[in-house]
Structure formats: structure tokens, C-alpha cells
């Protein structure tokens, strides 16, 4: 089986612009220790995985703006079981001394069982506690099959 990585490249945290592109599916092979890179540059794309495979989503984010970034989805099969799980996301600050430079937030999506689901990445303005003002910046249609 092949592990895949999606890198979502943000244009700017304040503008909430994101360029994404679809990458072709990769044929199954033996498990690898590292995730191969798969760069996505359209706001909507599709990824195929087998149970146990992982996709790493990376988004250029800037915490100094107050905006938060959330990845959600992964539910559900007919039996109400998760098709995939999504990590909470981890932020890595930018290297260098440039004030206001964006860092990177990374989420890991792990395929659990056969099915289809959508992974949605949204940005939320500072101080907002509800989802009414969330702006969708990416959608990944995940297909998990044996």
C-alpha cells in the first residue's frame, strides 16, 4: 500500500485564499515508513486510500491574525463507523525572523474502513465561537477501498 501526503498551500491567512490541485491516484505498493508528498492545488480534490493508509494535509497558516483553521469530517459508514479519523492538527512556526510570516498547520487523515467521506478545512475569524462565519477553504473527497 502507498501512503500519501496532501500539501495544501495557503496564499494568505487574512485573505483566506487557497490554491489546490488534483493529483492522480497512485497504485498500491508495500507500506513505506515516510509519507510521499502529494501536492494539491484546487479547492476540491479526490483521494483514494486503503484502510490504514494516511494522508497529511498541510496548510500555510498565520496565528498572529487570530484566525483559526479547522479540519473535520471522516464520518460515516452505514453502520455509523468512521471512514477516516483526523488528527487535531499541529502548528509549526515559521523559521526566520520575519514578523507576521505564516507557519504551517498539519493534520493527518487516517483511513479506517471502506467507504466515502469528505474532509473539510475551514477558517474561522477571531473571537467567533460558532460556525456561522466559517469559510470553507478546501474539500477533499476521500474514497477508502480494500
Protein backbone atom coordinates (compact mmCIF):
# COMPACT_ATOMS: atom_id res chain seq x y z
CA UNK A 1 0.00 0.00 0.00
CA UNK A 2 1.17 3.55 -0.65
CA UNK A 3 0.92 6.31 1.96
CA UNK A 4 0.08 9.70 0.53
CA UNK A 5 0.54 13.28 1.65
CA UNK A 6 -1.52 16.28 0.63
CA UNK A 7 0.07 19.66 0.99
CA UNK A 8 -2.45 22.47 0.93
CA UNK A 9 -0.67 25.70 0.08
CA UNK A 10 -2.28 28.81 1.51
CA UNK A 11 -1.93 32.10 -0.27
CA UNK A 12 -2.73 34.17 2.81
CA UNK A 13 -4.39 33.72 6.17
CA UNK A 14 -6.20 37.07 6.10
CA UNK A 15 -7.47 36.67 2.53
CA UNK A 16 -8.32 33.01 3.23
CA UNK A 17 -7.27 32.22 -0.31
CA UNK A 18 -6.07 28.72 -1.07
CA UNK A 19 -4.88 27.21 -4.32
CA UNK A 20 -5.41 23.45 -4.62
CA UNK A 21 -4.95 20.90 -7.45
CA UNK A 22 -5.93 17.33 -8.06
CA UNK A 23 -3.23 14.71 -8.15
CA UNK A 24 -3.59 11.33 -9.87
CA UNK A 25 -4.13 8.18 -7.83
CA UNK A 26 -1.03 6.09 -7.11
CA UNK A 27 -1.10 2.31 -7.46
CA UNK A 28 -0.85 0.13 -4.37
CA UNK A 29 2.61 -0.91 -3.15
CA UNK A 30 4.23 -2.04 0.09
CA UNK A 31 3.90 0.26 3.15
CA UNK A 32 6.52 2.99 3.34
CA UNK A 33 7.99 4.49 6.51
CA UNK A 34 7.63 8.08 5.25
CA UNK A 35 4.70 9.72 3.50
CA UNK A 36 5.40 10.51 -0.14
CA UNK A 37 4.40 14.08 -0.99
CA UNK A 38 1.25 14.77 -2.95
CA UNK A 39 0.63 18.47 -3.60
CA UNK A 40 -2.95 19.58 -4.11
CA UNK A 41 -3.77 22.97 -5.66
CA UNK A 42 -7.55 23.13 -6.21
CA UNK A 43 -10.23 23.86 -3.64
CA UNK A 44 -11.79 20.45 -4.28
CA UNK A 45 -9.98 17.18 -4.91
CA UNK A 46 -10.36 13.43 -4.51
CA UNK A 47 -8.01 10.95 -2.86
CA UNK A 48 -8.17 7.15 -2.77
CA UNK A 49 -6.70 5.19 0.14
CA UNK A 50 -6.82 1.67 1.55
CA UNK A 51 -7.62 1.11 5.25
CA UNK A 52 -4.57 2.04 7.34
CA UNK A 53 -3.12 4.46 4.78
CA UNK A 54 -2.62 8.11 5.71
CA UNK A 55 -2.83 11.50 4.05
CA UNK A 56 -1.10 14.50 5.56
CA UNK A 57 -2.81 17.85 4.97
CA UNK A 58 -0.60 20.91 5.28
CA UNK A 59 -1.88 24.47 5.20
CA UNK A 60 0.03 27.73 5.39
CA UNK A 61 -1.48 29.50 8.43
CA UNK A 62 -0.70 32.60 10.44
CA UNK A 63 -1.67 32.56 14.11
CA UNK A 64 -0.86 36.25 14.53
CA UNK A 65 -4.05 37.15 12.60
CA UNK A 66 -6.31 35.48 15.18
CA UNK A 67 -7.92 33.25 12.55
CA UNK A 68 -8.23 29.57 13.41
CA UNK A 69 -8.14 26.68 10.95
CA UNK A 70 -10.19 23.51 11.45
CA UNK A 71 -10.19 20.20 9.54
CA UNK A 72 -13.23 17.97 10.10
CA UNK A 73 -15.10 15.07 8.54
CA UNK A 74 -14.38 11.37 8.22
CA UNK A 75 -17.85 10.09 9.12
CA UNK A 76 -19.57 7.60 8.49
CA UNK A 77 -20.40 4.19 7.08
CA UNK A 78 -23.90 2.74 7.07
CA UNK A 79 -23.12 1.30 10.50
CA UNK A 80 -22.19 4.77 11.86
CA UNK A 81 -18.48 3.92 11.92
CA UNK A 82 -15.81 6.44 10.89
CA UNK A 83 -14.41 6.00 7.38
CA UNK A 84 -11.37 8.07 8.46
CA UNK A 85 -10.01 9.86 11.50
CA UNK A 86 -8.40 13.31 11.53
CA UNK A 87 -5.73 14.43 13.99
CA UNK A 88 -6.24 17.70 15.89
CA UNK A 89 -3.61 19.41 13.81
CA UNK A 90 -0.25 20.74 14.85
CA UNK A 91 1.21 24.17 14.16
CA UNK A 92 4.84 24.74 13.23
CA UNK A 93 6.05 28.32 13.49
CA UNK A 94 7.94 29.81 10.54
CA UNK A 95 11.71 29.71 10.54
CA UNK A 96 13.45 33.05 10.33
CA UNK A 97 12.87 36.47 11.85
CA UNK A 98 10.20 37.85 9.51
CA UNK A 99 7.41 39.34 11.65
CA UNK A 100 3.94 38.08 10.66
CA UNK A 101 5.26 35.28 8.43
CA UNK A 102 2.94 32.28 8.20
CA UNK A 103 3.75 28.90 9.68
CA UNK A 104 2.25 25.54 8.78
CA UNK A 105 -0.64 23.61 10.32
CA UNK A 106 -0.60 19.86 9.61
CA UNK A 107 -3.42 17.35 10.04
CA UNK A 108 -3.09 13.59 9.48
CA UNK A 109 -6.08 11.78 8.00
CA UNK A 110 -6.03 8.00 8.55
CA UNK A 111 -8.28 5.71 6.50
CA UNK A 112 -10.14 3.35 8.88
CA UNK A 113 -12.54 1.27 6.77
CA UNK A 114 -14.08 1.15 3.28
CA UNK A 115 -16.47 3.97 2.42
CA UNK A 116 -16.50 7.56 1.20
CA UNK A 117 -16.36 10.80 3.16
CA UNK A 118 -15.48 14.45 2.78
CA UNK A 119 -12.73 16.20 4.72
CA UNK A 120 -13.45 19.92 5.02
CA UNK A 121 -10.92 22.61 6.01
CA UNK A 122 -12.41 25.90 7.20
CA UNK A 123 -11.07 29.16 8.58
CA UNK A 124 -12.82 30.95 11.45
CA UNK A 125 -12.45 34.68 12.21
CA UNK A 126 -11.03 35.79 15.56
CA UNK A 127 -13.45 35.78 18.50
CA UNK A 128 -16.13 33.69 16.75
CA UNK A 129 -17.36 30.66 18.67
CA UNK A 130 -19.98 29.35 16.22
CA UNK A 131 -19.75 28.05 12.66
CA UNK A 132 -21.90 30.75 11.04
CA UNK A 133 -18.87 32.74 9.85
CA UNK A 134 -16.63 29.81 8.91
CA UNK A 135 -15.26 29.96 5.38
CA UNK A 136 -14.55 26.68 3.60
CA UNK A 137 -11.11 26.78 2.01
CA UNK A 138 -10.66 23.14 0.97
CA UNK A 139 -12.65 19.94 0.48
CA UNK A 140 -11.08 16.54 -0.01
CA UNK A 141 -13.38 13.71 -1.12
CA UNK A 142 -11.85 10.58 0.42
CA UNK A 143 -12.58 7.14 -1.00
CA UNK A 144 -11.39 4.22 1.11
CA UNK A 145 -11.47 0.78 -0.50
CA UNK A 146 -9.76 -2.58 0.08
